[in-house]
Amino acid sequence: MKFRVLKSKRKTLCLSVAKNGEVLVRVPLNMGECEIENFVRRHERWITSRIEKYKNRRTLDLSDGAVIVLFGQSYEIGTGSAKIGKGILFLPENRREESLLKLIRTLSKERIPPLVDETARRCGFEYSGIRISSARTRWGSCSKSGVLAFTCFLAFVDPALVAYVIVHELCHTKHFNHSNCFWREVERILPDWRVLRARLRTEEDCLNYLQ
């Protein structure tokens, strides 16, 4: 198995697989080749699974005439300044992914806060603020101070799953953990949370869109 080695002033070994399939091993300066090769060999199954995952991941078609769904609404893609028209998502001819990322950030800032506010009022939660990010490792988070953060990539998933993420993070304002009490609070609002959570896990490819 081919891999690239990057030596630096570190104490531990670190293994990563890029989306193009390149395997990178970060190692301490004085580590020998034999030890590095043994480390890679021990993790060969994990490396293979990561490479296969990237090969099979879903991608976006941003060509003219393709259809894209944002917050549950379908749009046909056309060429123009980045904006949403009547059933049409206009994107410039070049740098379409960059333009779409900016657009979904704006759209998320418009759509998500009202949903959070309505859910909080209806279900009896209080929060101190909302932040929209371009996070690629999680759908949402809640700080100890009650600030809720949501990734703009929620734009690509079903509205029912957006609602689940919102409820999940609001419940953290009462239970800052994943204890039984936390999940009972989630179930109070969403009795089918287990189904929704399982569905959300199948949408993780969306977090890797627009790179």
C-alpha atoms as a PDB file:
ATOM      1  CA  MET A   1       0.000   0.000   0.000  1.00  0.00           C
ATOM      2  CA  LYS A   2       1.384   3.387  -1.007  1.00  0.00           C
ATOM      3  CA  PHE A   3       1.544   6.131   1.588  1.00  0.00           C
ATOM      4  CA  ARG A   4       3.292   9.434   2.190  1.00  0.00           C
ATOM      5  CA  VAL A   5       5.284  10.148   5.348  1.00  0.00           C
ATOM      6  CA  LEU A   6       5.476  13.539   6.996  1.00  0.00           C
ATOM      7  CA  LYS A   7       7.985  13.826   9.843  1.00  0.00           C
ATOM      8  CA  SER A   8       7.784  16.574  12.447  1.00  0.00           C
ATOM      9  CA  LYS A   9       8.459  17.325  16.100  1.00  0.00           C
ATOM     10  CA  ARG A  10       5.628  15.205  17.449  1.00  0.00           C
ATOM     11  CA  LYS A  11       5.436  12.313  19.899  1.00  0.00           C
ATOM     12  CA  THR A  12       2.733  10.155  18.325  1.00  0.00           C
ATOM     13  CA  LEU A  13       1.795   8.688  14.949  1.00  0.00           C
ATOM     14  CA  CYS A  14      -1.212   9.975  13.059  1.00  0.00           C
ATOM     15  CA  LEU A  15      -2.896   8.424  10.032  1.00  0.00           C
ATOM     16  CA  SER A  16      -5.232  10.144   7.581  1.00  0.00           C
ATOM     17  CA  VAL A  17      -6.808   9.414   4.204  1.00  0.00           C
ATOM     18  CA  ALA A  18      -7.554  12.288   1.822  1.00  0.00           C
ATOM     19  CA  LYS A  19     -10.615  12.284  -0.422  1.00  0.00           C
ATOM     20  CA  ASN A  20      -8.372  11.565  -3.424  1.00  0.00           C
ATOM     21  CA  GLY A  21      -7.245   8.345  -1.744  1.00  0.00           C
ATOM     22  CA  GLU A  22      -3.822   9.545  -0.639  1.00  0.00           C
ATOM     23  CA  VAL A  23      -2.661   8.002   2.649  1.00  0.00           C
ATOM     24  CA  LEU A  24      -0.636  10.319   4.879  1.00  0.00           C
ATOM     25  CA  VAL A  25       1.289   9.194   7.954  1.00  0.00           C
ATOM     26  CA  ARG A  26       2.537  11.846  10.354  1.00  0.00           C
ATOM     27  CA  VAL A  27       5.378  10.535  12.528  1.00  0.00           C
ATOM     28  CA  PRO A  28       8.080  11.714  14.977  1.00  0.00           C
ATOM     29  CA  LEU A  29      11.400  12.798  13.477  1.00  0.00           C
ATOM     30  CA  ASN A  30      13.382   9.805  14.754  1.00  0.00           C
ATOM     31  CA  MET A  31      10.968   7.021  13.775  1.00  0.00           C
ATOM     32  CA  GLY A  32      12.335   4.294  11.500  1.00  0.00           C
ATOM     33  CA  GLU A  33      10.816   3.026   8.245  1.00  0.00           C
ATOM     34  CA  CYS A  34      10.122  -0.453   9.594  1.00  0.00           C
ATOM     35  CA  GLU A  35       8.076   0.878  12.512  1.00  0.00           C
ATOM     36  CA  ILE A  36       6.132   3.178  10.175  1.00  0.00           C
ATOM     37  CA  GLU A  37       5.341   0.329   7.765  1.00  0.00           C
ATOM     38  CA  ASN A  38       4.145  -1.880  10.639  1.00  0.00           C
ATOM     39  CA  PHE A  39       1.878   0.925  11.837  1.00  0.00           C
ATOM     40  CA  VAL A  40       0.332   1.297   8.384  1.00  0.00           C
ATOM     41  CA  ARG A  41      -0.063  -2.465   8.020  1.00  0.00           C
ATOM     42  CA  ARG A  42      -1.927  -2.718  11.328  1.00  0.00           C
ATOM     43  CA  HIS A  43      -4.407  -0.101  10.104  1.00  0.00           C
ATOM     44  CA  GLU A  44      -4.749  -1.387   6.558  1.00  0.00           C
ATOM     45  CA  ARG A  45      -8.379  -2.457   7.011  1.00  0.00           C
ATOM     46  CA  TRP A  46      -9.347   1.012   8.276  1.00  0.00           C
ATOM     47  CA  ILE A  47      -7.476   2.674   5.410  1.00  0.00           C
ATOM     48  CA  THR A  48      -9.239   0.488   2.841  1.00  0.00           C
ATOM     49  CA  SER A  49     -12.654   1.245   4.340  1.00  0.00           C
ATOM     50  CA  ARG A  50     -11.988   4.992   4.212  1.00  0.00           C
ATOM     51  CA  ILE A  51     -10.876   4.833   0.587  1.00  0.00           C
ATOM     52  CA  GLU A  52     -14.006   2.850  -0.362  1.00  0.00           C
ATOM     53  CA  LYS A  53     -16.220   5.308   1.484  1.00  0.00           C
ATOM     54  CA  TYR A  54     -14.800   8.216  -0.488  1.00  0.00           C
ATOM     55  CA  LYS A  55     -15.171   6.310  -3.765  1.00  0.00           C
ATOM     56  CA  ASN A  56     -18.852   5.617  -3.099  1.00  0.00           C
ATOM     57  CA  ARG A  57     -19.835   8.987  -1.654  1.00  0.00           C
ATOM     58  CA  ARG A  58     -22.592  11.001  -3.273  1.00  0.00           C
ATOM     59  CA  THR A  59     -21.714  14.158  -5.155  1.00  0.00           C
ATOM     60  CA  LEU A  60     -23.688  17.146  -6.378  1.00  0.00           C
ATOM     61  CA  ASP A  61     -24.532  17.713 -10.042  1.00  0.00           C
ATOM     62  CA  LEU A  62     -24.339  21.469 -10.544  1.00  0.00           C
ATOM     63  CA  SER A  63     -24.693  21.496 -14.319  1.00  0.00           C
ATOM     64  CA  ASP A  64     -27.450  23.484 -16.023  1.00  0.00           C
ATOM     65  CA  GLY A  65     -30.750  21.601 -15.966  1.00  0.00           C
ATOM     66  CA  ALA A  66     -29.835  19.472 -12.942  1.00  0.00           C
ATOM     67  CA  VAL A  67     -32.207  19.581  -9.976  1.00  0.00           C
ATOM     68  CA  ILE A  68     -31.055  20.387  -6.446  1.00  0.00           C
ATOM     69  CA  VAL A  69     -33.111  20.272  -3.250  1.00  0.00           C
ATOM     70  CA  LEU A  70     -32.542  22.879  -0.539  1.00  0.00           C
ATOM     71  CA  PHE A  71     -34.557  22.798   2.685  1.00  0.00           C
ATOM     72  CA  GLY A  72     -37.059  20.485   1.022  1.00  0.00           C
ATOM     73  CA  GLN A  73     -37.633  22.655  -2.068  1.00  0.00           C
ATOM     74  CA  SER A  74     -36.534  21.598  -5.555  1.00  0.00           C
ATOM     75  CA  TYR A  75     -34.743  23.979  -7.892  1.00  0.00           C
ATOM     76  CA  GLU A  76     -33.470  23.625 -11.433  1.00  0.00           C
ATOM     77  CA  ILE A  77     -29.959  24.937 -11.924  1.00  0.00           C
ATOM     78  CA  GLY A  78     -29.338  27.682 -14.465  1.00  0.00           C
ATOM     79  CA  THR A  79     -26.543  30.090 -15.308  1.00  0.00           C
ATOM     80  CA  GLY A  80     -26.552  33.580 -13.807  1.00  0.00           C
ATOM     81  CA  SER A  81     -25.646  35.556 -10.711  1.00  0.00           C
ATOM     82  CA  ALA A  82     -25.953  33.386  -7.604  1.00  0.00           C
ATOM     83  CA  LYS A  83     -29.547  33.656  -6.403  1.00  0.00           C
ATOM     84  CA  ILE A  84     -32.798  31.761  -6.160  1.00  0.00           C
ATOM     85  CA  GLY A  85     -35.566  32.650  -8.581  1.00  0.00           C
ATOM     86  CA  LYS A  86     -38.966  31.045  -9.177  1.00  0.00           C
ATOM     87  CA  GLY A  87     -37.991  27.405  -9.046  1.00  0.00           C
ATOM     88  CA  ILE A  88     -34.521  28.178 -10.434  1.00  0.00           C
ATOM     89  CA  LEU A  89     -31.183  28.257  -8.649  1.00  0.00           C
ATOM     90  CA  PHE A  90     -28.880  30.517 -10.600  1.00  0.00           C
ATOM     91  CA  LEU A  91     -25.143  29.905 -10.354  1.00  0.00           C
ATOM     92  CA  PRO A  92     -22.299  31.587 -12.279  1.00  0.00           C
ATOM     93  CA  GLU A  93     -20.602  29.634 -15.025  1.00  0.00           C
ATOM     94  CA  ASN A  94     -17.381  29.352 -13.009  1.00  0.00           C
ATOM     95  CA  ARG A  95     -16.686  28.519  -9.330  1.00  0.00           C
ATOM     96  CA  ARG A  96     -20.166  27.130  -8.858  1.00  0.00           C
ATOM     97  CA  GLU A  97     -19.409  25.224  -5.672  1.00  0.00           C
ATOM     98  CA  GLU A  98     -17.981  28.325  -4.006  1.00  0.00           C
ATOM     99  CA  SER A  99     -21.042  30.351  -5.021  1.00  0.00           C
ATOM    100  CA  LEU A 100     -23.441  27.689  -3.781  1.00  0.00           C
ATOM    101  CA  LEU A 101     -21.666  27.512  -0.420  1.00  0.00           C
ATOM    102  CA  LYS A 102     -22.135  31.258   0.063  1.00  0.00           C
ATOM    103  CA  LEU A 103     -25.762  30.951  -0.972  1.00  0.00           C
ATOM    104  CA  ILE A 104     -26.626  28.121   1.432  1.00  0.00           C
ATOM    105  CA  ARG A 105     -24.947  30.003   4.268  1.00  0.00           C
ATOM    106  CA  THR A 106     -27.223  32.968   3.568  1.00  0.00           C
ATOM    107  CA  LEU A 107     -30.253  30.715   3.149  1.00  0.00           C
ATOM    108  CA  SER A 108     -29.480  28.884   6.404  1.00  0.00           C
ATOM    109  CA  LYS A 109     -29.252  32.176   8.287  1.00  0.00           C
ATOM    110  CA  GLU A 110     -32.726  33.010   6.983  1.00  0.00           C
ATOM    111  CA  ARG A 111     -34.384  29.619   7.498  1.00  0.00           C
ATOM    112  CA  ILE A 112     -32.873  28.028  10.610  1.00  0.00           C
ATOM    113  CA  PRO A 113     -33.260  30.750  13.319  1.00  0.00           C
ATOM    114  CA  PRO A 114     -37.063  31.049  12.904  1.00  0.00           C
ATOM    115  CA  LEU A 115     -37.356  27.252  13.160  1.00  0.00           C
ATOM    116  CA  VAL A 116     -35.267  27.251  16.333  1.00  0.00           C
ATOM    117  CA  ASP A 117     -37.291  30.090  17.847  1.00  0.00           C
ATOM    118  CA  GLU A 118     -40.628  28.428  17.068  1.00  0.00           C
ATOM    119  CA  THR A 119     -39.484  25.076  18.462  1.00  0.00           C
ATOM    120  CA  ALA A 120     -38.052  26.668  21.614  1.00  0.00           C
ATOM    121  CA  ARG A 121     -41.257  28.579  22.344  1.00  0.00           C
ATOM    122  CA  ARG A 122     -43.481  25.586  21.633  1.00  0.00           C
ATOM    123  CA  CYS A 123     -41.444  23.113  23.679  1.00  0.00           C
ATOM    124  CA  GLY A 124     -40.280  25.286  26.562  1.00  0.00           C
ATOM    125  CA  PHE A 125     -36.588  25.876  25.873  1.00  0.00           C
ATOM    126  CA  GLU A 126     -34.375  28.909  26.284  1.00  0.00           C
ATOM    127  CA  TYR A 127     -31.148  29.583  24.401  1.00  0.00           C
ATOM    128  CA  SER A 128     -28.774  32.533  24.265  1.00  0.00           C
ATOM    129  CA  GLY A 129     -27.913  32.719  20.573  1.00  0.00           C
ATOM    130  CA  ILE A 130     -27.617  31.016  17.200  1.00  0.00           C
ATOM    131  CA  ARG A 131     -24.582  30.665  14.964  1.00  0.00           C
ATOM    132  CA  ILE A 132     -24.538  29.312  11.411  1.00  0.00           C
ATOM    133  CA  SER A 133     -21.251  27.745  10.313  1.00  0.00           C
ATOM    134  CA  SER A 134     -19.774  25.659   7.520  1.00  0.00           C
ATOM    135  CA  ALA A 135     -18.852  22.822   9.891  1.00  0.00           C
ATOM    136  CA  ARG A 136     -18.193  19.461   8.234  1.00  0.00           C
ATOM    137  CA  THR A 137     -17.868  17.217  11.276  1.00  0.00           C
ATOM    138  CA  ARG A 138     -21.209  17.739  12.999  1.00  0.00           C
ATOM    139  CA  TRP A 139     -24.709  18.952  12.191  1.00  0.00           C
ATOM    140  CA  GLY A 140     -25.054  21.092  15.268  1.00  0.00           C
ATOM    141  CA  SER A 141     -23.720  21.855  18.731  1.00  0.00           C
ATOM    142  CA  CYS A 142     -24.648  23.628  21.945  1.00  0.00           C
ATOM    143  CA  SER A 143     -22.246  25.558  24.161  1.00  0.00           C
ATOM    144  CA  LYS A 144     -22.477  25.664  27.948  1.00  0.00           C
ATOM    145  CA  SER A 145     -23.678  29.249  27.622  1.00  0.00           C
ATOM    146  CA  GLY A 146     -26.619  28.143  25.482  1.00  0.00           C
ATOM    147  CA  VAL A 147     -25.346  29.259  22.081  1.00  0.00           C
ATOM    148  CA  LEU A 148     -26.587  26.877  19.390  1.00  0.00           C
ATOM    149  CA  ALA A 149     -24.528  26.291  16.258  1.00  0.00           C
ATOM    150  CA  PHE A 150     -25.792  24.673  13.064  1.00  0.00           C
ATOM    151  CA  THR A 151     -23.955  23.796   9.868  1.00  0.00           C
ATOM    152  CA  CYS A 152     -25.267  25.315   6.658  1.00  0.00           C
ATOM    153  CA  PHE A 153     -25.073  21.834   5.079  1.00  0.00           C
ATOM    154  CA  LEU A 154     -28.382  21.106   6.789  1.00  0.00           C
ATOM    155  CA  ALA A 155     -29.795  22.792   3.687  1.00  0.00           C
ATOM    156  CA  PHE A 156     -29.274  19.507   1.827  1.00  0.00           C
ATOM    157  CA  VAL A 157     -31.212  17.203   4.166  1.00  0.00           C
ATOM    158  CA  ASP A 158     -34.912  16.565   4.663  1.00  0.00           C
ATOM    159  CA  PRO A 159     -36.712  19.203   6.777  1.00  0.00           C
ATOM    160  CA  ALA A 160     -37.719  16.483   9.264  1.00  0.00           C
ATOM    161  CA  LEU A 161     -34.033  15.848   9.919  1.00  0.00           C
ATOM    162  CA  VAL A 162     -33.365  19.567  10.317  1.00  0.00           C
ATOM    163  CA  ALA A 163     -36.121  19.583  12.941  1.00  0.00           C
ATOM    164  CA  TYR A 164     -34.450  16.653  14.710  1.00  0.00           C
ATOM    165  CA  VAL A 165     -31.091  18.444  14.864  1.00  0.00           C
ATOM    166  CA  ILE A 166     -32.762  21.559  16.245  1.00  0.00           C
ATOM    167  CA  VAL A 167     -34.570  19.581  18.953  1.00  0.00           C
ATOM    168  CA  HIS A 168     -31.380  17.668  19.759  1.00  0.00           C
ATOM    169  CA  GLU A 169     -29.398  20.847  20.373  1.00  0.00           C
ATOM    170  CA  LEU A 170     -32.200  22.565  22.285  1.00  0.00           C
ATOM    171  CA  CYS A 171     -32.367  19.565  24.629  1.00  0.00           C
ATOM    172  CA  HIS A 172     -28.700  20.135  25.399  1.00  0.00           C
ATOM    173  CA  THR A 173     -29.651  23.466  26.974  1.00  0.00           C
ATOM    174  CA  LYS A 174     -31.280  21.376  29.731  1.00  0.00           C
ATOM    175  CA  HIS A 175     -28.996  18.335  29.703  1.00  0.00           C
ATOM    176  CA  PHE A 176     -25.440  19.032  28.599  1.00  0.00           C
ATOM    177  CA  ASN A 177     -24.732  15.348  27.902  1.00  0.00           C
ATOM    178  CA  HIS A 178     -26.262  12.284  26.240  1.00  0.00           C
ATOM    179  CA  SER A 179     -27.665  10.762  29.401  1.00  0.00           C
ATOM    180  CA  ASN A 180     -30.964   8.903  29.694  1.00  0.00           C
ATOM    181  CA  CYS A 181     -32.531  12.160  30.870  1.00  0.00           C
ATOM    182  CA  PHE A 182     -31.385  13.866  27.696  1.00  0.00           C
ATOM    183  CA  TRP A 183     -32.882  11.215  25.415  1.00  0.00           C
ATOM    184  CA  ARG A 184     -36.150  11.221  27.391  1.00  0.00           C
ATOM    185  CA  GLU A 185     -36.346  14.961  26.752  1.00  0.00           C
ATOM    186  CA  VAL A 186     -35.779  14.375  23.028  1.00  0.00           C
ATOM    187  CA  GLU A 187     -38.431  11.643  23.020  1.00  0.00           C
ATOM    188  CA  ARG A 188     -40.923  13.947  24.719  1.00  0.00           C
ATOM    189  CA  ILE A 189     -40.840  16.122  21.613  1.00  0.00           C
ATOM    190  CA  LEU A 190     -39.945  13.584  18.924  1.00  0.00           C
ATOM    191  CA  PRO A 191     -41.163  10.077  19.796  1.00  0.00           C
ATOM    192  CA  ASP A 192     -39.603   8.756  16.565  1.00  0.00           C
ATOM    193  CA  TRP A 193     -36.159  10.265  17.252  1.00  0.00           C
ATOM    194  CA  ARG A 194     -34.415   6.905  16.773  1.00  0.00           C
ATOM    195  CA  VAL A 195     -35.673   6.673  13.192  1.00  0.00           C
ATOM    196  CA  LEU A 196     -34.700  10.270  12.502  1.00  0.00           C
ATOM    197  CA  ARG A 197     -31.236   9.806  13.980  1.00  0.00           C
ATOM    198  CA  ALA A 198     -30.677   6.701  11.836  1.00  0.00           C
ATOM    199  CA  ARG A 199     -31.792   8.593   8.722  1.00  0.00           C
ATOM    200  CA  LEU A 200     -29.479  11.487   9.533  1.00  0.00           C
ATOM    201  CA  ARG A 201     -26.509   9.139   9.690  1.00  0.00           C
ATOM    202  CA  THR A 202     -27.171   8.135   6.082  1.00  0.00           C
ATOM    203  CA  GLU A 203     -26.876  11.788   5.040  1.00  0.00           C
ATOM    204  CA  GLU A 204     -23.288  12.340   6.212  1.00  0.00           C
ATOM    205  CA  ASP A 205     -22.104  12.657   2.597  1.00  0.00           C
ATOM    206  CA  CYS A 206     -23.824  16.055   2.554  1.00  0.00           C
ATOM    207  CA  LEU A 207     -21.203  17.359   4.976  1.00  0.00           C
ATOM    208  CA  ASN A 208     -18.575  16.759   2.287  1.00  0.00           C
ATOM    209  CA  TYR A 209     -20.357  18.652  -0.477  1.00  0.00           C
ATOM    210  CA  LEU A 210     -18.829  21.792  -2.014  1.00  0.00           C
ATOM    211  CA  GLN A 211     -15.132  21.089  -1.433  1.00  0.00           C
END
